[in-house]
PDB file of N, CA and C in Angstrom:
ATOM      1  N   UNK A   1     329.515 112.788 -37.114  1.00  0.00           N
ATOM      2  CA  UNK A   1     328.021 112.468 -36.934  1.00  0.00           C
ATOM      3  C   UNK A   1     327.561 111.320 -37.407  1.00  0.00           C
ATOM      4  N   UNK A   2     326.973 110.280 -36.650  1.00  0.00           N
ATOM      5  CA  UNK A   2     326.472 109.030 -36.972  1.00  0.00           C
ATOM      6  C   UNK A   2     324.951 109.219 -37.334  1.00  0.00           C
ATOM      7  N   UNK A   3     324.688 108.835 -38.472  1.00  0.00           N
ATOM      8  CA  UNK A   3     323.349 109.015 -38.848  1.00  0.00           C
ATOM      9  C   UNK A   3     322.583 107.480 -38.883  1.00  0.00           C
ATOM     10  N   UNK A   4     321.480 107.436 -38.191  1.00  0.00           N
ATOM     11  CA  UNK A   4     320.840 106.248 -38.028  1.00  0.00           C
ATOM     12  C   UNK A   4     319.332 106.508 -37.897  1.00  0.00           C
ATOM     13  N   UNK A   5     318.492 105.627 -38.102  1.00  0.00           N
ATOM     14  CA  UNK A   5     317.223 105.836 -38.181  1.00  0.00           C
ATOM     15  C   UNK A   5     316.429 106.530 -37.132  1.00  0.00           C
ATOM     16  N   UNK A   6     317.235 106.608 -35.850  1.00  0.00           N
ATOM     17  CA  UNK A   6     316.562 107.215 -34.827  1.00  0.00           C
ATOM     18  C   UNK A   6     316.766 108.914 -34.919  1.00  0.00           C
ATOM     19  N   UNK A   7     317.749 109.128 -35.841  1.00  0.00           N
ATOM     20  CA  UNK A   7     318.171 110.626 -36.070  1.00  0.00           C
ATOM     21  C   UNK A   7     317.377 111.335 -37.255  1.00  0.00           C
ATOM     22  N   UNK A   8     316.482 110.242 -37.869  1.00  0.00           N
ATOM     23  CA  UNK A   8     315.796 110.661 -39.084  1.00  0.00           C
ATOM     24  C   UNK A   8     314.411 111.302 -38.543  1.00  0.00           C
ATOM     25  N   UNK A   9     314.135 112.598 -39.214  1.00  0.00           N
ATOM     26  CA  UNK A   9     312.763 113.114 -38.891  1.00  0.00           C
ATOM     27  C   UNK A   9     312.178 113.778 -40.083  1.00  0.00           C
ATOM     28  N   UNK A  10     310.999 113.523 -40.412  1.00  0.00           N
ATOM     29  CA  UNK A  10     310.325 114.078 -41.374  1.00  0.00           C
ATOM     30  C   UNK A  10     310.338 115.729 -41.211  1.00  0.00           C
ATOM     31  N   UNK A  11     310.205 116.586 -42.321  1.00  0.00           N
ATOM     32  CA  UNK A  11     309.967 118.068 -41.956  1.00  0.00           C
ATOM     33  C   UNK A  11     308.683 118.305 -41.656  1.00  0.00           C
ATOM     34  N   UNK A  12     307.911 117.404 -41.657  1.00  0.00           N
ATOM     35  CA  UNK A  12     306.413 117.705 -41.223  1.00  0.00           C
ATOM     36  C   UNK A  12     306.450 117.508 -39.665  1.00  0.00           C
ATOM     37  N   UNK A  13     307.043 116.357 -39.276  1.00  0.00           N
ATOM     38  CA  UNK A  13     307.303 116.251 -37.817  1.00  0.00           C
ATOM     39  C   UNK A  13     308.128 117.162 -37.120  1.00  0.00           C
ATOM     40  N   UNK A  14     309.190 117.774 -37.789  1.00  0.00           N
ATOM     41  CA  UNK A  14     310.066 118.794 -37.304  1.00  0.00           C
ATOM     42  C   UNK A  14     309.246 120.042 -37.122  1.00  0.00           C
ATOM     43  N   UNK A  15     308.307 120.419 -38.171  1.00  0.00           N
ATOM     44  CA  UNK A  15     307.481 121.501 -37.905  1.00  0.00           C
ATOM     45  C   UNK A  15     306.527 121.318 -36.811  1.00  0.00           C
ATOM     46  N   UNK A  16     305.810 120.433 -36.752  1.00  0.00           N
ATOM     47  CA  UNK A  16     304.857 120.075 -35.711  1.00  0.00           C
ATOM     48  C   UNK A  16     305.392 119.758 -34.291  1.00  0.00           C
ATOM     49  N   UNK A  17     306.725 119.240 -34.118  1.00  0.00           N
ATOM     50  CA  UNK A  17     307.025 118.999 -32.844  1.00  0.00           C
ATOM     51  C   UNK A  17     308.432 119.226 -32.846  1.00  0.00           C
ATOM     52  N   UNK A  18     308.951 120.592 -32.756  1.00  0.00           N
ATOM     53  CA  UNK A  18     310.384 120.775 -32.644  1.00  0.00           C
ATOM     54  C   UNK A  18     310.957 120.421 -31.491  1.00  0.00           C
ATOM     55  N   UNK A  19     310.209 120.488 -30.432  1.00  0.00           N
ATOM     56  CA  UNK A  19     310.871 120.091 -29.004  1.00  0.00           C
ATOM     57  C   UNK A  19     311.497 118.577 -28.989  1.00  0.00           C
ATOM     58  N   UNK A  20     310.851 117.756 -29.784  1.00  0.00           N
ATOM     59  CA  UNK A  20     311.053 116.339 -30.046  1.00  0.00           C
ATOM     60  C   UNK A  20     312.431 116.367 -30.823  1.00  0.00           C
ATOM     61  N   UNK A  21     312.391 117.069 -31.880  1.00  0.00           N
ATOM     62  CA  UNK A  21     313.380 117.009 -32.612  1.00  0.00           C
ATOM     63  C   UNK A  21     314.740 117.591 -31.761  1.00  0.00           C
ATOM     64  N   UNK A  22     314.692 118.789 -31.016  1.00  0.00           N
ATOM     65  CA  UNK A  22     315.845 119.398 -30.313  1.00  0.00           C
ATOM     66  C   UNK A  22     316.082 118.179 -29.127  1.00  0.00           C
ATOM     67  N   UNK A  23     315.261 117.380 -28.688  1.00  0.00           N
ATOM     68  CA  UNK A  23     315.642 116.306 -27.662  1.00  0.00           C
ATOM     69  C   UNK A  23     316.503 115.286 -28.573  1.00  0.00           C
ATOM     70  N   UNK A  24     316.132 114.983 -29.636  1.00  0.00           N
ATOM     71  CA  UNK A  24     316.986 114.128 -30.595  1.00  0.00           C
ATOM     72  C   UNK A  24     318.566 114.718 -30.573  1.00  0.00           C
ATOM     73  N   UNK A  25     318.581 115.772 -30.769  1.00  0.00           N
ATOM     74  CA  UNK A  25     319.992 116.578 -30.817  1.00  0.00           C
ATOM     75  C   UNK A  25     320.511 116.307 -29.612  1.00  0.00           C
ATOM     76  N   UNK A  26     319.971 116.855 -28.536  1.00  0.00           N
ATOM     77  CA  UNK A  26     320.608 116.477 -27.322  1.00  0.00           C
ATOM     78  C   UNK A  26     320.952 115.131 -27.009  1.00  0.00           C
ATOM     79  N   UNK A  27     320.210 114.186 -27.300  1.00  0.00           N
ATOM     80  CA  UNK A  27     320.738 112.810 -27.195  1.00  0.00           C
ATOM     81  C   UNK A  27     321.534 111.972 -28.039  1.00  0.00           C
ATOM     82  N   UNK A  28     321.565 112.429 -29.282  1.00  0.00           N
ATOM     83  CA  UNK A  28     322.348 111.897 -30.337  1.00  0.00           C
ATOM     84  C   UNK A  28     323.479 112.859 -30.984  1.00  0.00           C
ATOM     85  N   UNK A  29     323.213 114.031 -30.553  1.00  0.00           N
ATOM     86  CA  UNK A  29     324.321 114.982 -31.316  1.00  0.00           C
ATOM     87  C   UNK A  29     323.867 115.679 -32.447  1.00  0.00           C
ATOM     88  N   UNK A  30     322.909 115.117 -33.244  1.00  0.00           N
ATOM     89  CA  UNK A  30     322.494 115.754 -34.364  1.00  0.00           C
ATOM     90  C   UNK A  30     320.950 114.916 -34.624  1.00  0.00           C
ATOM     91  N   UNK A  31     320.319 115.701 -35.582  1.00  0.00           N
ATOM     92  CA  UNK A  31     319.000 115.407 -36.141  1.00  0.00           C
ATOM     93  C   UNK A  31     318.932 115.513 -37.770  1.00  0.00           C
ATOM     94  N   UNK A  32     318.833 114.563 -38.372  1.00  0.00           N
ATOM     95  CA  UNK A  32     318.749 114.656 -40.078  1.00  0.00           C
ATOM     96  C   UNK A  32     317.197 114.934 -40.377  1.00  0.00           C
ATOM     97  N   UNK A  33     316.875 116.014 -40.953  1.00  0.00           N
ATOM     98  CA  UNK A  33     315.333 116.426 -41.350  1.00  0.00           C
ATOM     99  C   UNK A  33     315.342 115.951 -42.803  1.00  0.00           C
ATOM    100  N   UNK A  34     314.289 115.106 -43.035  1.00  0.00           N
ATOM    101  CA  UNK A  34     314.007 114.722 -44.400  1.00  0.00           C
ATOM    102  C   UNK A  34     313.013 115.445 -45.094  1.00  0.00           C
ATOM    103  N   UNK A  35     313.096 115.949 -46.215  1.00  0.00           N
ATOM    104  CA  UNK A  35     312.201 116.540 -47.114  1.00  0.00           C
ATOM    105  C   UNK A  35     311.970 115.426 -48.395  1.00  0.00           C
ATOM    106  N   UNK A  36     310.664 114.856 -48.494  1.00  0.00           N
ATOM    107  CA  UNK A  36     310.191 113.952 -49.562  1.00  0.00           C
ATOM    108  C   UNK A  36     311.341 112.726 -49.455  1.00  0.00           C
ATOM    109  N   UNK A  37     311.384 112.280 -48.203  1.00  0.00           N
ATOM    110  CA  UNK A  37     312.234 111.227 -47.965  1.00  0.00           C
ATOM    111  C   UNK A  37     313.667 111.219 -48.257  1.00  0.00           C
ATOM    112  N   UNK A  38     313.981 112.468 -48.298  1.00  0.00           N
ATOM    113  CA  UNK A  38     315.511 112.630 -48.778  1.00  0.00           C
ATOM    114  C   UNK A  38     316.358 113.564 -47.692  1.00  0.00           C
ATOM    115  N   UNK A  39     317.333 113.193 -47.335  1.00  0.00           N
ATOM    116  CA  UNK A  39     317.903 114.045 -46.211  1.00  0.00           C
ATOM    117  C   UNK A  39     318.142 115.580 -46.847  1.00  0.00           C
ATOM    118  N   UNK A  40     317.664 116.411 -46.003  1.00  0.00           N
ATOM    119  CA  UNK A  40     317.801 118.064 -46.691  1.00  0.00           C
ATOM    120  C   UNK A  40     318.322 118.789 -45.516  1.00  0.00           C
ATOM    121  N   UNK A  41     318.259 118.556 -44.265  1.00  0.00           N
ATOM    122  CA  UNK A  41     318.806 119.612 -43.382  1.00  0.00           C
ATOM    123  C   UNK A  41     319.495 118.661 -42.139  1.00  0.00           C
ATOM    124  N   UNK A  42     320.476 119.174 -41.654  1.00  0.00           N
ATOM    125  CA  UNK A  42     321.123 118.798 -40.243  1.00  0.00           C
ATOM    126  C   UNK A  42     320.913 119.854 -39.321  1.00  0.00           C
ATOM    127  N   UNK A  43     320.454 119.332 -38.219  1.00  0.00           N
ATOM    128  CA  UNK A  43     320.251 120.075 -37.059  1.00  0.00           C
ATOM    129  C   UNK A  43     321.241 119.672 -35.868  1.00  0.00           C
ATOM    130  N   UNK A  44     322.202 120.544 -35.538  1.00  0.00           N
ATOM    131  CA  UNK A  44     323.275 120.253 -34.424  1.00  0.00           C
ATOM    132  C   UNK A  44     323.187 121.439 -33.370  1.00  0.00           C
ATOM    133  N   UNK A  45     323.880 121.037 -32.126  1.00  0.00           N
ATOM    134  CA  UNK A  45     323.833 121.975 -31.254  1.00  0.00           C
ATOM    135  C   UNK A  45     324.840 123.054 -31.614  1.00  0.00           C
ATOM    136  N   UNK A  46     324.409 124.379 -31.224  1.00  0.00           N
ATOM    137  CA  UNK A  46     325.391 125.512 -31.657  1.00  0.00           C
ATOM    138  C   UNK A  46     326.818 125.314 -31.407  1.00  0.00           C
ATOM    139  N   UNK A  47     327.091 124.810 -30.122  1.00  0.00           N
ATOM    140  CA  UNK A  47     328.687 124.704 -29.952  1.00  0.00           C
ATOM    141  C   UNK A  47     329.298 123.811 -31.022  1.00  0.00           C
ATOM    142  N   UNK A  48     328.633 122.650 -31.422  1.00  0.00           N
ATOM    143  CA  UNK A  48     329.148 121.818 -32.396  1.00  0.00           C
ATOM    144  C   UNK A  48     329.390 122.477 -33.660  1.00  0.00           C
ATOM    145  N   UNK A  49     328.509 123.400 -34.160  1.00  0.00           N
ATOM    146  CA  UNK A  49     328.508 124.296 -35.361  1.00  0.00           C
ATOM    147  C   UNK A  49     329.838 124.931 -35.164  1.00  0.00           C
ATOM    148  N   UNK A  50     330.148 125.840 -33.836  1.00  0.00           N
ATOM    149  CA  UNK A  50     331.104 126.593 -33.678  1.00  0.00           C
ATOM    150  C   UNK A  50     332.634 125.696 -33.826  1.00  0.00           C
ATOM    151  N   UNK A  51     332.494 124.694 -33.266  1.00  0.00           N
ATOM    152  CA  UNK A  51     333.902 123.721 -33.447  1.00  0.00           C
ATOM    153  C   UNK A  51     334.156 123.436 -34.944  1.00  0.00           C
ATOM    154  N   UNK A  52     333.085 123.050 -35.542  1.00  0.00           N
ATOM    155  CA  UNK A  52     333.253 122.921 -37.141  1.00  0.00           C
ATOM    156  C   UNK A  52     334.102 124.107 -37.683  1.00  0.00           C
ATOM    157  N   UNK A  53     333.582 125.354 -37.380  1.00  0.00           N
ATOM    158  CA  UNK A  53     333.860 126.228 -38.054  1.00  0.00           C
ATOM    159  C   UNK A  53     335.509 126.526 -37.720  1.00  0.00           C
ATOM    160  N   UNK A  54     335.867 126.361 -36.347  1.00  0.00           N
ATOM    161  CA  UNK A  54     337.099 126.604 -36.038  1.00  0.00           C
ATOM    162  C   UNK A  54     337.988 125.475 -36.896  1.00  0.00           C
ATOM    163  N   UNK A  55     337.532 124.376 -36.927  1.00  0.00           N
ATOM    164  CA  UNK A  55     338.395 123.360 -37.792  1.00  0.00           C
ATOM    165  C   UNK A  55     338.571 123.870 -39.122  1.00  0.00           C
ATOM    166  N   UNK A  56     337.454 124.190 -39.844  1.00  0.00           N
ATOM    167  CA  UNK A  56     337.846 124.713 -41.047  1.00  0.00           C
ATOM    168  C   UNK A  56     338.720 125.938 -41.260  1.00  0.00           C
ATOM    169  N   UNK A  57     338.735 126.817 -40.182  1.00  0.00           N
ATOM    170  CA  UNK A  57     339.555 127.876 -40.117  1.00  0.00           C
ATOM    171  C   UNK A  57     340.985 127.508 -39.928  1.00  0.00           C
ATOM    172  N   UNK A  58     341.224 126.380 -39.139  1.00  0.00           N
ATOM    173  CA  UNK A  58     342.593 125.802 -38.788  1.00  0.00           C
ATOM    174  C   UNK A  58     343.107 125.335 -40.298  1.00  0.00           C
ATOM    175  N   UNK A  59     342.097 124.568 -40.898  1.00  0.00           N
ATOM    176  CA  UNK A  59     342.595 124.052 -42.119  1.00  0.00           C
ATOM    177  C   UNK A  59     342.985 124.986 -43.265  1.00  0.00           C
ATOM    178  N   UNK A  60     342.212 126.279 -43.385  1.00  0.00           N
ATOM    179  CA  UNK A  60     342.706 127.216 -44.283  1.00  0.00           C
ATOM    180  C   UNK A  60     344.087 127.854 -43.826  1.00  0.00           C
ATOM    181  N   UNK A  61     344.315 128.017 -42.259  1.00  0.00           N
ATOM    182  CA  UNK A  61     345.684 128.525 -41.951  1.00  0.00           C
ATOM    183  C   UNK A  61     346.813 127.387 -42.357  1.00  0.00           C
ATOM    184  N   UNK A  62     346.491 126.105 -42.333  1.00  0.00           N
ATOM    185  CA  UNK A  62     347.503 125.271 -42.624  1.00  0.00           C
ATOM    186  C   UNK A  62     347.783 125.235 -44.192  1.00  0.00           C
ATOM    187  N   UNK A  63     346.744 125.241 -45.004  1.00  0.00           N
ATOM    188  CA  UNK A  63     347.015 125.511 -46.361  1.00  0.00           C
ATOM    189  C   UNK A  63     347.741 126.836 -46.627  1.00  0.00           C
ATOM    190  N   UNK A  64     347.433 127.792 -46.122  1.00  0.00           N
ATOM    191  CA  UNK A  64     347.990 128.963 -46.255  1.00  0.00           C
ATOM    192  C   UNK A  64     349.683 129.003 -46.063  1.00  0.00           C
ATOM    193  N   UNK A  65     349.842 128.440 -44.889  1.00  0.00           N
ATOM    194  CA  UNK A  65     351.257 128.228 -44.429  1.00  0.00           C
ATOM    195  C   UNK A  65     352.019 127.376 -45.140  1.00  0.00           C
ATOM    196  N   UNK A  66     351.586 126.290 -45.701  1.00  0.00           N
ATOM    197  CA  UNK A  66     352.111 125.443 -46.818  1.00  0.00           C
ATOM    198  C   UNK A  66     352.510 126.164 -48.257  1.00  0.00           C
ATOM    199  N   UNK A  67     351.331 126.952 -48.708  1.00  0.00           N
ATOM    200  CA  UNK A  67     351.594 127.545 -49.824  1.00  0.00           C
ATOM    201  C   UNK A  67     352.581 128.616 -49.690  1.00  0.00           C
ATOM    202  N   UNK A  68     352.783 129.472 -48.558  1.00  0.00           N
ATOM    203  CA  UNK A  68     353.694 130.547 -48.263  1.00  0.00           C
ATOM    204  C   UNK A  68     355.162 129.905 -48.300  1.00  0.00           C
ATOM    205  N   UNK A  69     355.323 128.748 -47.683  1.00  0.00           N
ATOM    206  CA  UNK A  69     356.407 128.063 -47.630  1.00  0.00           C
ATOM    207  C   UNK A  69     356.978 127.597 -48.934  1.00  0.00           C
ATOM    208  N   UNK A  70     355.982 127.092 -49.679  1.00  0.00           N
ATOM    209  CA  UNK A  70     356.432 126.451 -50.886  1.00  0.00           C
ATOM    210  C   UNK A  70     356.869 127.613 -51.876  1.00  0.00           C
ATOM    211  N   UNK A  71     356.146 128.793 -51.845  1.00  0.00           N
ATOM    212  CA  UNK A  71     356.322 129.947 -52.789  1.00  0.00           C
ATOM    213  C   UNK A  71     356.903 131.059 -52.367  1.00  0.00           C
ATOM    214  N   UNK A  72     357.888 130.927 -51.161  1.00  0.00           N
ATOM    215  CA  UNK A  72     358.597 131.967 -50.412  1.00  0.00           C
ATOM    216  C   UNK A  72     359.303 132.759 -51.218  1.00  0.00           C
ATOM    217  N   UNK A  73     360.163 132.179 -52.364  1.00  0.00           N
ATOM    218  CA  UNK A  73     360.999 133.096 -53.149  1.00  0.00           C
ATOM    219  C   UNK A  73     360.036 133.889 -54.020  1.00  0.00           C
ATOM    220  N   UNK A  74     358.807 133.468 -54.549  1.00  0.00           N
ATOM    221  CA  UNK A  74     358.101 134.315 -55.438  1.00  0.00           C
ATOM    222  C   UNK A  74     357.658 135.474 -54.510  1.00  0.00           C
ATOM    223  N   UNK A  75     356.919 135.103 -53.225  1.00  0.00           N
ATOM    224  CA  UNK A  75     356.399 136.030 -52.447  1.00  0.00           C
ATOM    225  C   UNK A  75     357.518 137.307 -52.056  1.00  0.00           C
ATOM    226  N   UNK A  76     358.616 136.793 -51.869  1.00  0.00           N
ATOM    227  CA  UNK A  76     359.794 137.549 -51.450  1.00  0.00           C
ATOM    228  C   UNK A  76     359.900 138.685 -52.722  1.00  0.00           C
ATOM    229  N   UNK A  77     359.908 138.021 -53.938  1.00  0.00           N
ATOM    230  CA  UNK A  77     360.437 138.822 -55.103  1.00  0.00           C
ATOM    231  C   UNK A  77     359.079 139.765 -55.201  1.00  0.00           C
ATOM    232  N   UNK A  78     357.799 139.492 -55.072  1.00  0.00           N
ATOM    233  CA  UNK A  78     356.690 140.238 -55.320  1.00  0.00           C
ATOM    234  C   UNK A  78     356.626 141.243 -54.276  1.00  0.00           C
ATOM    235  N   UNK A  79     357.239 140.910 -52.927  1.00  0.00           N
ATOM    236  CA  UNK A  79     357.220 141.990 -52.010  1.00  0.00           C
ATOM    237  C   UNK A  79     358.439 143.247 -52.098  1.00  0.00           C
ATOM    238  N   UNK A  80     359.103 143.108 -53.102  1.00  0.00           N
ATOM    239  CA  UNK A  80     360.083 144.206 -53.265  1.00  0.00           C
ATOM    240  C   UNK A  80     359.518 145.416 -54.128  1.00  0.00           C
TER     241      UNK A  80
END
């Protein structure tokens, strides 16, 4: 996600004009909502959020496989 000034929206504007914020997401992939001029929320399309979750799950599986391979002897001993 690239953050630039056209992706930034105040929380007040997001409350008052959500359709504009949704349009920003459609055009730019994400919108950052500011609260007191500090980035507070990120709004993305649902499909993008799903893809992020799949990537996290894949990372967990990769770590699990690596730990199992590294500690195979200990796991086999514990399984007895």
